[in-house]
Amino acid sequence: MGEPDGTALVEGGRARVYLDAYPDLVLPAHFEFASPVAASNLGSPIKTFTTIFKLDQTDPRLMPDLSAALVLEPPASAGGGAK
C-alpha cells in the first residue's frame, strides 16, 4: 500500500478484494494490521508499507499466488453531511 493511502486505514475498515484470474469474484475483507515502518526500493522516492486484510468469506477457487486488487470502502460517517 502506498504511504498516502495509509490515512484511509481505520480499525475494522472494510474492503473489497478483486482477483485478476476471476473478474466476476468479489470477496469482502476487513483491515487487520499495517506495518508502522514505510520502506522504499533503492533510489525510489515512493514509500510503501505492508498491510494485512483478512477475507470475510472464502471461495473454492482461492489458491496461493493469485494476484488481486483491493478497494477500500469509505468509512461510515457519523452524523449528517458537511455544512
N, C-alpha and C. Protein backbone atom coordinates (compact mmCIF):
# COMPACT_ATOMS: atom_id res chain seq x y z
N MET A 1 0.85 -1.16 0.00
CA MET A 1 0.00 0.00 0.00
C MET A 1 0.90 1.22 0.00
N GLY A 2 0.53 2.21 -0.77
CA GLY A 2 1.31 3.44 -0.83
C GLY A 2 1.14 4.27 0.43
N GLU A 3 2.18 5.01 0.79
CA GLU A 3 2.17 5.80 2.03
C GLU A 3 0.99 6.76 2.12
N PRO A 4 0.60 7.48 1.06
CA PRO A 4 -0.53 8.41 1.18
C PRO A 4 -1.86 7.69 1.51
N ASP A 5 -1.97 6.42 1.12
CA ASP A 5 -3.20 5.68 1.38
C ASP A 5 -3.33 5.26 2.83
N GLY A 6 -2.27 5.35 3.59
CA GLY A 6 -2.29 4.94 4.99
C GLY A 6 -3.30 5.70 5.83
N THR A 7 -3.59 6.92 5.46
CA THR A 7 -4.56 7.70 6.22
C THR A 7 -5.97 7.15 6.09
N ALA A 8 -6.22 6.34 5.07
CA ALA A 8 -7.56 5.76 4.87
C ALA A 8 -7.77 4.50 5.70
N LEU A 9 -6.72 3.99 6.33
CA LEU A 9 -6.84 2.76 7.12
C LEU A 9 -7.36 3.08 8.51
N VAL A 10 -8.46 2.45 8.85
CA VAL A 10 -9.03 2.62 10.19
C VAL A 10 -9.34 1.23 10.74
N GLU A 11 -9.31 1.12 12.05
CA GLU A 11 -9.59 -0.16 12.69
C GLU A 11 -10.95 -0.68 12.23
N GLY A 12 -10.97 -1.93 11.78
CA GLY A 12 -12.20 -2.54 11.29
C GLY A 12 -12.62 -2.06 9.91
N GLY A 13 -11.75 -1.31 9.23
CA GLY A 13 -12.07 -0.80 7.90
C GLY A 13 -12.43 -1.91 6.94
N ARG A 14 -13.36 -1.67 6.08
CA ARG A 14 -13.87 -2.66 5.14
C ARG A 14 -13.22 -2.47 3.76
N ALA A 15 -13.15 -3.56 3.01
CA ALA A 15 -12.58 -3.52 1.66
C ALA A 15 -13.22 -4.61 0.81
N ARG A 16 -13.04 -4.47 -0.50
CA ARG A 16 -13.46 -5.50 -1.46
C ARG A 16 -12.21 -5.97 -2.19
N VAL A 17 -12.09 -7.30 -2.34
CA VAL A 17 -10.93 -7.90 -2.99
C VAL A 17 -11.37 -8.45 -4.34
N TYR A 18 -10.66 -8.03 -5.40
CA TYR A 18 -10.93 -8.48 -6.77
C TYR A 18 -9.74 -9.31 -7.23
N LEU A 19 -10.00 -10.53 -7.66
CA LEU A 19 -8.92 -11.40 -8.14
C LEU A 19 -8.80 -11.27 -9.65
N ASP A 20 -7.58 -11.06 -10.14
CA ASP A 20 -7.34 -10.90 -11.57
C ASP A 20 -7.79 -12.13 -12.36
N ALA A 21 -7.59 -13.32 -11.81
CA ALA A 21 -7.92 -14.56 -12.52
C ALA A 21 -9.43 -14.80 -12.60
N TYR A 22 -10.19 -14.19 -11.69
CA TYR A 22 -11.65 -14.39 -11.64
C TYR A 22 -12.33 -13.04 -11.51
N PRO A 23 -12.48 -12.31 -12.61
CA PRO A 23 -13.04 -10.96 -12.55
C PRO A 23 -14.45 -10.89 -11.97
N ASP A 24 -15.19 -11.99 -12.03
CA ASP A 24 -16.56 -11.99 -11.51
C ASP A 24 -16.61 -12.20 -9.99
N LEU A 25 -15.49 -12.54 -9.37
CA LEU A 25 -15.44 -12.84 -7.95
C LEU A 25 -15.01 -11.60 -7.15
N VAL A 26 -15.85 -11.21 -6.19
CA VAL A 26 -15.54 -10.10 -5.30
C VAL A 26 -15.70 -10.63 -3.87
N LEU A 27 -14.63 -10.51 -3.08
CA LEU A 27 -14.66 -11.03 -1.71
C LEU A 27 -14.57 -9.87 -0.72
N PRO A 28 -15.43 -9.88 0.30
CA PRO A 28 -15.33 -8.85 1.33
C PRO A 28 -14.16 -9.15 2.26
N ALA A 29 -13.56 -8.09 2.78
CA ALA A 29 -12.43 -8.24 3.69
C ALA A 29 -12.46 -7.09 4.69
N HIS A 30 -11.64 -7.22 5.73
CA HIS A 30 -11.50 -6.14 6.70
C HIS A 30 -10.04 -5.96 7.07
N PHE A 31 -9.71 -4.74 7.45
CA PHE A 31 -8.33 -4.37 7.79
C PHE A 31 -7.92 -5.02 9.10
N GLU A 32 -6.73 -5.62 9.11
CA GLU A 32 -6.19 -6.27 10.30
C GLU A 32 -4.97 -5.54 10.86
N PHE A 33 -3.99 -5.21 10.02
CA PHE A 33 -2.71 -4.72 10.51
C PHE A 33 -1.98 -3.94 9.43
N ALA A 34 -1.24 -2.93 9.85
CA ALA A 34 -0.35 -2.21 8.94
C ALA A 34 1.00 -2.03 9.62
N SER A 35 2.06 -2.25 8.87
CA SER A 35 3.41 -2.06 9.41
C SER A 35 3.59 -0.59 9.77
N PRO A 36 4.17 -0.30 10.92
CA PRO A 36 4.39 1.10 11.29
C PRO A 36 5.57 1.74 10.55
N VAL A 37 6.32 0.93 9.78
CA VAL A 37 7.51 1.43 9.10
C VAL A 37 7.33 1.34 7.59
N ALA A 38 7.45 2.48 6.92
CA ALA A 38 7.38 2.50 5.46
C ALA A 38 8.78 2.21 4.89
N ALA A 39 8.82 1.62 3.71
CA ALA A 39 10.09 1.30 3.06
C ALA A 39 10.00 1.70 1.59
N SER A 40 11.16 1.82 0.96
CA SER A 40 11.18 2.13 -0.47
C SER A 40 12.29 1.33 -1.13
N ASN A 41 12.15 1.13 -2.43
CA ASN A 41 13.20 0.48 -3.19
C ASN A 41 14.38 1.43 -3.33
N LEU A 42 15.55 0.88 -3.50
CA LEU A 42 16.76 1.67 -3.63
C LEU A 42 16.61 2.70 -4.75
N GLY A 43 16.78 3.96 -4.43
CA GLY A 43 16.70 5.02 -5.42
C GLY A 43 15.30 5.51 -5.73
N SER A 44 14.29 4.94 -5.10
CA SER A 44 12.91 5.35 -5.37
C SER A 44 12.39 6.25 -4.25
N PRO A 45 11.73 7.35 -4.61
CA PRO A 45 11.15 8.21 -3.58
C PRO A 45 9.79 7.69 -3.07
N ILE A 46 9.27 6.66 -3.71
CA ILE A 46 7.96 6.13 -3.35
C ILE A 46 8.10 5.16 -2.19
N LYS A 47 7.37 5.44 -1.11
CA LYS A 47 7.41 4.59 0.08
C LYS A 47 6.13 3.76 0.15
N THR A 48 6.29 2.53 0.58
CA THR A 48 5.16 1.62 0.75
C THR A 48 5.26 0.97 2.12
N PHE A 49 4.15 0.41 2.57
CA PHE A 49 4.19 -0.35 3.81
C PHE A 49 3.27 -1.55 3.68
N THR A 50 3.58 -2.59 4.43
CA THR A 50 2.83 -3.82 4.38
C THR A 50 1.53 -3.67 5.15
N THR A 51 0.44 -4.09 4.53
CA THR A 51 -0.85 -4.11 5.20
C THR A 51 -1.46 -5.50 5.07
N ILE A 52 -2.22 -5.88 6.07
CA ILE A 52 -2.87 -7.19 6.04
C ILE A 52 -4.37 -6.99 6.17
N PHE A 53 -5.08 -7.57 5.22
CA PHE A 53 -6.54 -7.60 5.23
C PHE A 53 -6.96 -9.06 5.33
N LYS A 54 -7.97 -9.33 6.13
CA LYS A 54 -8.46 -10.69 6.29
C LYS A 54 -9.75 -10.85 5.50
N LEU A 55 -9.81 -11.93 4.70
CA LEU A 55 -11.02 -12.21 3.93
C LEU A 55 -12.15 -12.62 4.88
N ASP A 56 -13.34 -12.11 4.63
CA ASP A 56 -14.50 -12.43 5.45
C ASP A 56 -15.25 -13.67 4.95
N GLN A 57 -14.93 -14.09 3.76
CA GLN A 57 -15.51 -15.32 3.23
C GLN A 57 -14.49 -15.95 2.29
N THR A 58 -14.68 -17.20 1.99
CA THR A 58 -13.74 -17.92 1.14
C THR A 58 -14.44 -18.36 -0.14
N ASP A 59 -13.67 -18.92 -1.03
CA ASP A 59 -14.19 -19.42 -2.30
C ASP A 59 -13.31 -20.59 -2.71
N PRO A 60 -13.89 -21.64 -3.27
CA PRO A 60 -13.07 -22.80 -3.66
C PRO A 60 -12.02 -22.50 -4.72
N ARG A 61 -12.16 -21.39 -5.42
CA ARG A 61 -11.17 -21.03 -6.45
C ARG A 61 -9.93 -20.37 -5.89
N LEU A 62 -9.94 -20.00 -4.60
CA LEU A 62 -8.76 -19.36 -4.00
C LEU A 62 -7.60 -20.33 -3.92
N MET A 63 -6.42 -19.82 -4.22
CA MET A 63 -5.18 -20.60 -4.13
C MET A 63 -4.02 -19.63 -3.98
N PRO A 64 -2.87 -20.11 -3.54
CA PRO A 64 -1.71 -19.21 -3.37
C PRO A 64 -1.29 -18.57 -4.69
N ASP A 65 -0.71 -17.41 -4.58
CA ASP A 65 -0.09 -16.68 -5.69
C ASP A 65 -1.05 -16.08 -6.71
N LEU A 66 -2.33 -15.94 -6.37
CA LEU A 66 -3.25 -15.23 -7.26
C LEU A 66 -3.05 -13.73 -7.04
N SER A 67 -2.98 -12.98 -8.13
CA SER A 67 -2.85 -11.53 -7.98
C SER A 67 -4.24 -10.95 -7.75
N ALA A 68 -4.28 -9.87 -6.97
CA ALA A 68 -5.55 -9.28 -6.59
C ALA A 68 -5.42 -7.78 -6.46
N ALA A 69 -6.57 -7.12 -6.50
CA ALA A 69 -6.64 -5.69 -6.21
C ALA A 69 -7.59 -5.52 -5.03
N LEU A 70 -7.29 -4.57 -4.20
CA LEU A 70 -8.10 -4.31 -3.02
C LEU A 70 -8.62 -2.89 -3.11
N VAL A 71 -9.92 -2.72 -2.90
CA VAL A 71 -10.54 -1.40 -2.92
C VAL A 71 -11.09 -1.12 -1.53
N LEU A 72 -10.59 -0.06 -0.92
CA LEU A 72 -11.08 0.32 0.41
C LEU A 72 -12.47 0.92 0.29
N GLU A 73 -13.35 0.55 1.22
CA GLU A 73 -14.67 1.14 1.26
C GLU A 73 -14.60 2.36 2.17
N PRO A 74 -15.30 3.43 1.81
CA PRO A 74 -15.27 4.62 2.68
C PRO A 74 -15.89 4.29 4.03
N PRO A 75 -15.33 4.84 5.11
CA PRO A 75 -15.90 4.58 6.43
C PRO A 75 -17.29 5.19 6.54
N ALA A 76 -18.15 4.56 7.32
CA ALA A 76 -19.49 5.09 7.55
C ALA A 76 -19.34 6.39 8.31
N SER A 77 -19.98 7.44 7.83
CA SER A 77 -19.86 8.74 8.51
C SER A 77 -20.83 8.80 9.68
N ALA A 78 -20.37 9.40 10.74
CA ALA A 78 -21.22 9.57 11.91
C ALA A 78 -21.91 10.92 11.79
N GLY A 79 -23.20 10.90 11.77
CA GLY A 79 -23.94 12.16 11.68
C GLY A 79 -24.26 12.52 10.24
N GLY A 80 -24.61 13.76 10.04
CA GLY A 80 -25.04 14.24 8.72
C GLY A 80 -23.87 14.60 7.83
N GLY A 81 -24.17 15.28 6.75
CA GLY A 81 -23.16 15.69 5.79
C GLY A 81 -22.46 16.96 6.21
N ALA A 82 -21.61 17.47 5.34
CA ALA A 82 -20.87 18.69 5.60
C ALA A 82 -21.80 19.89 5.56
N LYS A 83 -21.46 20.89 6.35
CA LYS A 83 -22.28 22.11 6.38
C LYS A 83 -21.52 23.26 5.80
